[in-house]
PDB file of N, CA and C in Angstrom:
ATOM      1  N   UNK A   1      22.430 195.402  58.853  1.00  0.00           N
ATOM      2  CA  UNK A   1      23.224 194.113  58.838  1.00  0.00           C
ATOM      3  C   UNK A   1      23.212 193.401  60.109  1.00  0.00           C
ATOM      4  N   UNK A   2      22.935 192.002  60.314  1.00  0.00           N
ATOM      5  CA  UNK A   2      22.962 191.322  61.417  1.00  0.00           C
ATOM      6  C   UNK A   2      24.477 191.258  61.862  1.00  0.00           C
ATOM      7  N   UNK A   3      24.544 190.998  63.287  1.00  0.00           N
ATOM      8  CA  UNK A   3      25.946 190.629  63.850  1.00  0.00           C
ATOM      9  C   UNK A   3      26.156 189.204  64.193  1.00  0.00           C
ATOM     10  N   UNK A   4      27.289 188.836  64.631  1.00  0.00           N
ATOM     11  CA  UNK A   4      27.606 187.524  65.018  1.00  0.00           C
ATOM     12  C   UNK A   4      26.771 187.047  66.096  1.00  0.00           C
ATOM     13  N   UNK A   5      26.394 187.858  67.234  1.00  0.00           N
ATOM     14  CA  UNK A   5      25.592 187.405  68.303  1.00  0.00           C
ATOM     15  C   UNK A   5      24.210 187.231  67.859  1.00  0.00           C
ATOM     16  N   UNK A   6      23.562 188.047  66.903  1.00  0.00           N
ATOM     17  CA  UNK A   6      22.370 187.718  66.438  1.00  0.00           C
ATOM     18  C   UNK A   6      22.219 186.665  65.578  1.00  0.00           C
ATOM     19  N   UNK A   7      23.236 186.294  64.802  1.00  0.00           N
ATOM     20  CA  UNK A   7      23.213 184.902  64.233  1.00  0.00           C
ATOM     21  C   UNK A   7      23.122 183.831  64.998  1.00  0.00           C
ATOM     22  N   UNK A   8      24.003 183.811  66.120  1.00  0.00           N
ATOM     23  CA  UNK A   8      23.928 182.611  67.081  1.00  0.00           C
ATOM     24  C   UNK A   8      22.650 182.607  67.824  1.00  0.00           C
ATOM     25  N   UNK A   9      22.126 183.741  68.272  1.00  0.00           N
ATOM     26  CA  UNK A   9      20.883 183.761  68.882  1.00  0.00           C
ATOM     27  C   UNK A   9      19.483 183.377  67.894  1.00  0.00           C
ATOM     28  N   UNK A  10      19.549 183.782  66.678  1.00  0.00           N
ATOM     29  CA  UNK A  10      18.526 183.174  65.773  1.00  0.00           C
ATOM     30  C   UNK A  10      18.603 181.786  65.677  1.00  0.00           C
ATOM     31  N   UNK A  11      19.910 181.231  65.387  1.00  0.00           N
ATOM     32  CA  UNK A  11      19.985 179.781  65.335  1.00  0.00           C
ATOM     33  C   UNK A  11      19.546 179.076  66.500  1.00  0.00           C
ATOM     34  N   UNK A  12      19.836 179.664  67.812  1.00  0.00           N
ATOM     35  CA  UNK A  12      19.375 178.974  69.061  1.00  0.00           C
ATOM     36  C   UNK A  12      18.072 178.945  69.160  1.00  0.00           C
ATOM     37  N   UNK A  13      17.370 180.109  68.814  1.00  0.00           N
ATOM     38  CA  UNK A  13      15.874 180.161  68.930  1.00  0.00           C
ATOM     39  C   UNK A  13      15.220 178.961  67.980  1.00  0.00           C
ATOM     40  N   UNK A  14      15.905 178.697  66.888  1.00  0.00           N
ATOM     41  CA  UNK A  14      15.305 177.749  65.865  1.00  0.00           C
ATOM     42  C   UNK A  14      15.779 176.227  66.321  1.00  0.00           C
ATOM     43  N   UNK A  15      16.811 176.265  67.067  1.00  0.00           N
ATOM     44  CA  UNK A  15      17.432 174.814  67.435  1.00  0.00           C
ATOM     45  C   UNK A  15      18.193 174.398  66.138  1.00  0.00           C
ATOM     46  N   UNK A  16      18.573 175.345  65.565  1.00  0.00           N
ATOM     47  CA  UNK A  16      19.604 174.824  64.370  1.00  0.00           C
ATOM     48  C   UNK A  16      21.017 174.592  64.805  1.00  0.00           C
ATOM     49  N   UNK A  17      21.842 173.938  64.118  1.00  0.00           N
ATOM     50  CA  UNK A  17      23.296 173.822  64.191  1.00  0.00           C
ATOM     51  C   UNK A  17      23.777 174.696  63.301  1.00  0.00           C
ATOM     52  N   UNK A  18      25.040 174.955  63.271  1.00  0.00           N
ATOM     53  CA  UNK A  18      25.696 175.804  62.347  1.00  0.00           C
ATOM     54  C   UNK A  18      25.482 175.005  60.966  1.00  0.00           C
ATOM     55  N   UNK A  19      25.622 173.632  60.890  1.00  0.00           N
ATOM     56  CA  UNK A  19      25.437 173.027  59.582  1.00  0.00           C
ATOM     57  C   UNK A  19      24.047 173.252  59.026  1.00  0.00           C
ATOM     58  N   UNK A  20      23.064 173.240  59.965  1.00  0.00           N
ATOM     59  CA  UNK A  20      21.799 173.523  59.596  1.00  0.00           C
ATOM     60  C   UNK A  20      21.450 174.987  58.854  1.00  0.00           C
ATOM     61  N   UNK A  21      22.051 176.067  59.498  1.00  0.00           N
ATOM     62  CA  UNK A  21      22.165 177.161  59.000  1.00  0.00           C
ATOM     63  C   UNK A  21      22.745 177.134  57.494  1.00  0.00           C
ATOM     64  N   UNK A  22      23.943 176.436  57.397  1.00  0.00           N
ATOM     65  CA  UNK A  22      24.803 176.426  56.298  1.00  0.00           C
ATOM     66  C   UNK A  22      23.703 175.857  55.147  1.00  0.00           C
ATOM     67  N   UNK A  23      23.171 174.759  55.380  1.00  0.00           N
ATOM     68  CA  UNK A  23      22.257 174.151  54.470  1.00  0.00           C
ATOM     69  C   UNK A  23      21.086 174.970  53.922  1.00  0.00           C
ATOM     70  N   UNK A  24      20.459 175.633  54.886  1.00  0.00           N
ATOM     71  CA  UNK A  24      19.320 176.407  54.665  1.00  0.00           C
ATOM     72  C   UNK A  24      19.732 177.651  53.953  1.00  0.00           C
ATOM     73  N   UNK A  25      20.945 178.223  54.190  1.00  0.00           N
ATOM     74  CA  UNK A  25      21.264 179.519  53.564  1.00  0.00           C
ATOM     75  C   UNK A  25      22.227 179.280  52.251  1.00  0.00           C
ATOM     76  N   UNK A  26      22.614 177.928  52.094  1.00  0.00           N
ATOM     77  CA  UNK A  26      23.508 177.886  51.041  1.00  0.00           C
ATOM     78  C   UNK A  26      24.937 178.421  51.125  1.00  0.00           C
ATOM     79  N   UNK A  27      25.265 178.570  52.380  1.00  0.00           N
ATOM     80  CA  UNK A  27      26.514 179.093  52.791  1.00  0.00           C
ATOM     81  C   UNK A  27      27.525 178.205  53.366  1.00  0.00           C
ATOM     82  N   UNK A  28      28.609 177.882  53.136  1.00  0.00           N
ATOM     83  CA  UNK A  28      29.562 176.871  53.636  1.00  0.00           C
ATOM     84  C   UNK A  28      29.625 176.837  55.020  1.00  0.00           C
ATOM     85  N   UNK A  29      29.779 175.769  55.711  1.00  0.00           N
ATOM     86  CA  UNK A  29      30.072 175.597  57.089  1.00  0.00           C
ATOM     87  C   UNK A  29      31.086 176.322  57.428  1.00  0.00           C
ATOM     88  N   UNK A  30      32.279 176.405  56.982  1.00  0.00           N
ATOM     89  CA  UNK A  30      33.594 177.155  57.561  1.00  0.00           C
ATOM     90  C   UNK A  30      33.161 178.694  57.456  1.00  0.00           C
ATOM     91  N   UNK A  31      32.393 179.075  56.497  1.00  0.00           N
ATOM     92  CA  UNK A  31      32.056 180.562  56.413  1.00  0.00           C
ATOM     93  C   UNK A  31      31.053 180.877  57.514  1.00  0.00           C
ATOM     94  N   UNK A  32      30.087 179.991  57.683  1.00  0.00           N
ATOM     95  CA  UNK A  32      29.205 180.287  59.003  1.00  0.00           C
ATOM     96  C   UNK A  32      30.045 180.332  60.256  1.00  0.00           C
ATOM     97  N   UNK A  33      30.918 179.373  60.335  1.00  0.00           N
ATOM     98  CA  UNK A  33      31.704 179.303  61.700  1.00  0.00           C
ATOM     99  C   UNK A  33      32.485 180.628  61.832  1.00  0.00           C
ATOM    100  N   UNK A  34      32.977 181.175  60.703  1.00  0.00           N
ATOM    101  CA  UNK A  34      33.824 182.390  60.795  1.00  0.00           C
ATOM    102  C   UNK A  34      32.982 183.571  61.022  1.00  0.00           C
ATOM    103  N   UNK A  35      31.756 183.552  60.369  1.00  0.00           N
ATOM    104  CA  UNK A  35      30.771 184.707  60.638  1.00  0.00           C
ATOM    105  C   UNK A  35      30.311 184.706  61.937  1.00  0.00           C
ATOM    106  N   UNK A  36      30.186 183.754  62.767  1.00  0.00           N
ATOM    107  CA  UNK A  36      29.706 183.694  63.972  1.00  0.00           C
ATOM    108  C   UNK A  36      30.687 184.015  65.133  1.00  0.00           C
ATOM    109  N   UNK A  37      32.039 183.670  64.808  1.00  0.00           N
ATOM    110  CA  UNK A  37      33.242 184.063  65.652  1.00  0.00           C
ATOM    111  C   UNK A  37      33.630 185.523  65.533  1.00  0.00           C
ATOM    112  N   UNK A  38      33.981 185.817  64.153  1.00  0.00           N
ATOM    113  CA  UNK A  38      34.557 187.133  64.070  1.00  0.00           C
ATOM    114  C   UNK A  38      33.597 188.220  63.511  1.00  0.00           C
ATOM    115  N   UNK A  39      32.552 187.708  63.096  1.00  0.00           N
ATOM    116  CA  UNK A  39      31.379 188.664  62.708  1.00  0.00           C
ATOM    117  C   UNK A  39      31.273 188.477  61.183  1.00  0.00           C
ATOM    118  N   UNK A  40      30.022 188.875  60.759  1.00  0.00           N
ATOM    119  CA  UNK A  40      29.895 188.864  59.368  1.00  0.00           C
ATOM    120  C   UNK A  40      30.418 190.094  58.418  1.00  0.00           C
ATOM    121  N   UNK A  41      31.079 191.128  59.153  1.00  0.00           N
ATOM    122  CA  UNK A  41      31.587 192.204  58.483  1.00  0.00           C
ATOM    123  C   UNK A  41      32.628 192.046  57.118  1.00  0.00           C
ATOM    124  N   UNK A  42      33.308 190.758  57.396  1.00  0.00           N
ATOM    125  CA  UNK A  42      34.168 190.572  56.359  1.00  0.00           C
ATOM    126  C   UNK A  42      33.607 189.776  55.439  1.00  0.00           C
ATOM    127  N   UNK A  43      32.410 189.285  55.433  1.00  0.00           N
ATOM    128  CA  UNK A  43      31.750 188.495  54.443  1.00  0.00           C
ATOM    129  C   UNK A  43      31.167 189.318  53.394  1.00  0.00           C
ATOM    130  N   UNK A  44      30.916 188.719  52.216  1.00  0.00           N
ATOM    131  CA  UNK A  44      30.384 189.456  51.161  1.00  0.00           C
ATOM    132  C   UNK A  44      28.809 189.599  51.403  1.00  0.00           C
ATOM    133  N   UNK A  45      28.494 190.835  50.943  1.00  0.00           N
ATOM    134  CA  UNK A  45      27.050 191.229  51.188  1.00  0.00           C
ATOM    135  C   UNK A  45      26.004 190.223  50.887  1.00  0.00           C
ATOM    136  N   UNK A  46      26.132 189.498  49.847  1.00  0.00           N
ATOM    137  CA  UNK A  46      25.251 188.457  49.532  1.00  0.00           C
ATOM    138  C   UNK A  46      25.285 187.211  50.347  1.00  0.00           C
ATOM    139  N   UNK A  47      26.445 187.068  50.976  1.00  0.00           N
ATOM    140  CA  UNK A  47      26.498 185.827  51.913  1.00  0.00           C
ATOM    141  C   UNK A  47      25.736 186.173  53.070  1.00  0.00           C
ATOM    142  N   UNK A  48      25.885 187.487  53.704  1.00  0.00           N
ATOM    143  CA  UNK A  48      25.126 187.879  54.870  1.00  0.00           C
ATOM    144  C   UNK A  48      23.702 187.805  54.641  1.00  0.00           C
ATOM    145  N   UNK A  49      23.267 188.295  53.522  1.00  0.00           N
ATOM    146  CA  UNK A  49      21.906 188.438  53.059  1.00  0.00           C
ATOM    147  C   UNK A  49      21.387 186.909  53.072  1.00  0.00           C
ATOM    148  N   UNK A  50      22.248 186.029  52.401  1.00  0.00           N
ATOM    149  CA  UNK A  50      21.591 184.726  52.393  1.00  0.00           C
ATOM    150  C   UNK A  50      21.331 184.127  53.744  1.00  0.00           C
ATOM    151  N   UNK A  51      22.302 184.292  54.747  1.00  0.00           N
ATOM    152  CA  UNK A  51      22.071 183.848  56.156  1.00  0.00           C
ATOM    153  C   UNK A  51      20.988 184.494  56.829  1.00  0.00           C
ATOM    154  N   UNK A  52      20.830 185.840  56.544  1.00  0.00           N
ATOM    155  CA  UNK A  52      19.658 186.671  57.272  1.00  0.00           C
ATOM    156  C   UNK A  52      18.434 186.255  56.741  1.00  0.00           C
ATOM    157  N   UNK A  53      18.356 185.931  55.432  1.00  0.00           N
ATOM    158  CA  UNK A  53      16.832 185.502  54.828  1.00  0.00           C
ATOM    159  C   UNK A  53      16.601 184.112  55.257  1.00  0.00           C
ATOM    160  N   UNK A  54      17.711 183.296  55.389  1.00  0.00           N
ATOM    161  CA  UNK A  54      17.478 181.831  55.976  1.00  0.00           C
ATOM    162  C   UNK A  54      16.742 181.963  57.286  1.00  0.00           C
ATOM    163  N   UNK A  55      17.110 182.769  58.155  1.00  0.00           N
ATOM    164  CA  UNK A  55      16.723 182.930  59.378  1.00  0.00           C
ATOM    165  C   UNK A  55      15.432 183.674  59.525  1.00  0.00           C
ATOM    166  N   UNK A  56      15.188 184.485  58.851  1.00  0.00           N
ATOM    167  CA  UNK A  56      13.892 185.180  58.696  1.00  0.00           C
ATOM    168  C   UNK A  56      12.936 184.406  58.067  1.00  0.00           C
ATOM    169  N   UNK A  57      13.229 183.576  57.023  1.00  0.00           N
ATOM    170  CA  UNK A  57      12.260 182.781  56.339  1.00  0.00           C
ATOM    171  C   UNK A  57      11.658 181.659  57.430  1.00  0.00           C
ATOM    172  N   UNK A  58      12.533 181.349  58.384  1.00  0.00           N
ATOM    173  CA  UNK A  58      12.162 180.218  59.429  1.00  0.00           C
ATOM    174  C   UNK A  58      11.422 181.016  60.639  1.00  0.00           C
ATOM    175  N   UNK A  59      11.390 182.318  60.633  1.00  0.00           N
ATOM    176  CA  UNK A  59      10.464 182.873  61.711  1.00  0.00           C
ATOM    177  C   UNK A  59      11.394 183.705  62.626  1.00  0.00           C
ATOM    178  N   UNK A  60      12.551 184.059  62.413  1.00  0.00           N
ATOM    179  CA  UNK A  60      13.192 184.880  63.129  1.00  0.00           C
ATOM    180  C   UNK A  60      13.165 186.261  62.896  1.00  0.00           C
ATOM    181  N   UNK A  61      12.964 187.368  63.783  1.00  0.00           N
ATOM    182  CA  UNK A  61      13.050 188.559  63.478  1.00  0.00           C
ATOM    183  C   UNK A  61      14.140 189.210  64.123  1.00  0.00           C
ATOM    184  N   UNK A  62      14.732 190.259  63.272  1.00  0.00           N
ATOM    185  CA  UNK A  62      15.816 190.971  63.843  1.00  0.00           C
ATOM    186  C   UNK A  62      15.491 192.224  64.241  1.00  0.00           C
ATOM    187  N   UNK A  63      15.757 192.568  65.590  1.00  0.00           N
ATOM    188  CA  UNK A  63      15.250 194.023  66.053  1.00  0.00           C
ATOM    189  C   UNK A  63      16.557 194.976  65.913  1.00  0.00           C
ATOM    190  N   UNK A  64      16.175 195.981  65.294  1.00  0.00           N
ATOM    191  CA  UNK A  64      17.325 197.046  65.012  1.00  0.00           C
ATOM    192  C   UNK A  64      17.550 197.964  66.354  1.00  0.00           C
ATOM    193  N   UNK A  65      18.757 198.452  66.357  1.00  0.00           N
ATOM    194  CA  UNK A  65      19.100 199.357  67.556  1.00  0.00           C
ATOM    195  C   UNK A  65      18.225 200.431  67.564  1.00  0.00           C
ATOM    196  N   UNK A  66      17.588 200.672  68.695  1.00  0.00           N
ATOM    197  CA  UNK A  66      16.613 201.678  68.935  1.00  0.00           C
ATOM    198  C   UNK A  66      16.762 202.271  70.163  1.00  0.00           C
ATOM    199  N   UNK A  67      17.865 202.447  70.685  1.00  0.00           N
ATOM    200  CA  UNK A  67      18.201 203.036  72.038  1.00  0.00           C
ATOM    201  C   UNK A  67      18.249 202.050  73.037  1.00  0.00           C
ATOM    202  N   UNK A  68      17.754 200.854  73.038  1.00  0.00           N
ATOM    203  CA  UNK A  68      17.683 199.758  73.841  1.00  0.00           C
ATOM    204  C   UNK A  68      18.601 198.535  73.415  1.00  0.00           C
ATOM    205  N   UNK A  69      19.224 198.598  72.318  1.00  0.00           N
ATOM    206  CA  UNK A  69      20.066 197.383  71.810  1.00  0.00           C
ATOM    207  C   UNK A  69      19.252 196.645  70.857  1.00  0.00           C
ATOM    208  N   UNK A  70      20.192 196.118  70.094  1.00  0.00           N
ATOM    209  CA  UNK A  70      19.682 195.129  68.992  1.00  0.00           C
ATOM    210  C   UNK A  70      19.013 193.886  69.694  1.00  0.00           C
ATOM    211  N   UNK A  71      18.303 193.112  68.990  1.00  0.00           N
ATOM    212  CA  UNK A  71      17.719 191.888  69.499  1.00  0.00           C
ATOM    213  C   UNK A  71      17.195 190.917  68.537  1.00  0.00           C
ATOM    214  N   UNK A  72      16.698 189.972  68.926  1.00  0.00           N
ATOM    215  CA  UNK A  72      16.251 188.764  68.168  1.00  0.00           C
ATOM    216  C   UNK A  72      15.010 188.056  68.775  1.00  0.00           C
ATOM    217  N   UNK A  73      14.191 187.841  67.907  1.00  0.00           N
ATOM    218  CA  UNK A  73      12.947 187.165  68.487  1.00  0.00           C
ATOM    219  C   UNK A  73      12.369 186.162  67.509  1.00  0.00           C
ATOM    220  N   UNK A  74      11.537 185.279  67.835  1.00  0.00           N
ATOM    221  CA  UNK A  74      10.612 184.339  66.849  1.00  0.00           C
ATOM    222  C   UNK A  74       9.336 185.007  66.870  1.00  0.00           C
ATOM    223  N   UNK A  75       8.838 184.889  65.679  1.00  0.00           N
ATOM    224  CA  UNK A  75       7.500 185.403  65.249  1.00  0.00           C
ATOM    225  C   UNK A  75       6.606 184.303  65.901  1.00  0.00           C
ATOM    226  N   UNK A  76       5.532 185.013  66.454  1.00  0.00           N
ATOM    227  CA  UNK A  76       4.268 184.137  66.961  1.00  0.00           C
ATOM    228  C   UNK A  76       3.721 183.400  65.867  1.00  0.00           C
ATOM    229  N   UNK A  77       3.378 182.256  65.933  1.00  0.00           N
ATOM    230  CA  UNK A  77       2.658 181.511  64.751  1.00  0.00           C
ATOM    231  C   UNK A  77       1.345 182.174  64.576  1.00  0.00           C
ATOM    232  N   UNK A  78       1.102 182.344  63.225  1.00  0.00           N
ATOM    233  CA  UNK A  78      -0.246 183.019  62.796  1.00  0.00           C
ATOM    234  C   UNK A  78      -0.142 184.427  62.745  1.00  0.00           C
ATOM    235  N   UNK A  79       0.971 185.219  63.051  1.00  0.00           N
ATOM    236  CA  UNK A  79       1.168 186.625  63.119  1.00  0.00           C
ATOM    237  C   UNK A  79       1.476 186.966  61.580  1.00  0.00           C
ATOM    238  N   UNK A  80       0.953 188.180  61.270  1.00  0.00           N
ATOM    239  CA  UNK A  80       1.494 188.677  59.982  1.00  0.00           C
ATOM    240  C   UNK A  80       1.611 187.980  58.848  1.00  0.00           C
ATOM    241  N   UNK A  81       0.521 187.270  58.517  1.00  0.00           N
ATOM    242  CA  UNK A  81       0.442 186.575  57.226  1.00  0.00           C
ATOM    243  C   UNK A  81       0.989 185.151  57.537  1.00  0.00           C
ATOM    244  N   UNK A  82       1.421 184.813  58.593  1.00  0.00           N
ATOM    245  CA  UNK A  82       2.034 183.365  58.602  1.00  0.00           C
ATOM    246  C   UNK A  82       0.721 182.428  58.808  1.00  0.00           C
ATOM    247  N   UNK A  83       0.843 181.222  58.335  1.00  0.00           N
ATOM    248  CA  UNK A  83      -0.263 180.397  58.265  1.00  0.00           C
ATOM    249  C   UNK A  83      -0.167 179.650  59.760  1.00  0.00           C
ATOM    250  N   UNK A  84      -1.404 179.394  60.287  1.00  0.00           N
ATOM    251  CA  UNK A  84      -1.434 178.789  61.601  1.00  0.00           C
ATOM    252  C   UNK A  84      -1.229 177.334  61.407  1.00  0.00           C
ATOM    253  N   UNK A  85      -0.446 176.498  62.094  1.00  0.00           N
ATOM    254  CA  UNK A  85      -0.360 175.010  61.893  1.00  0.00           C
ATOM    255  C   UNK A  85      -1.716 174.269  62.117  1.00  0.00           C
TER     256      UNK A  85
END
């Protein structure tokens, strides 16, 4: 599950506002704001999944804890099945 910092970082990489993320994920703006401030832990699993899916569908990759800490990055265009523009 992603955390609040990963949500904010993913949004920043895409240049999305909280409202943009809400629209793309189908999650209300107040819920997005709460998830980014206190973390998604109190949100329903399907809500967190919707936010994560919206970010991933836009090209964000979430890097799990592997001894070096969690992370976020954008997929390179044309990598792993993505179409090149």
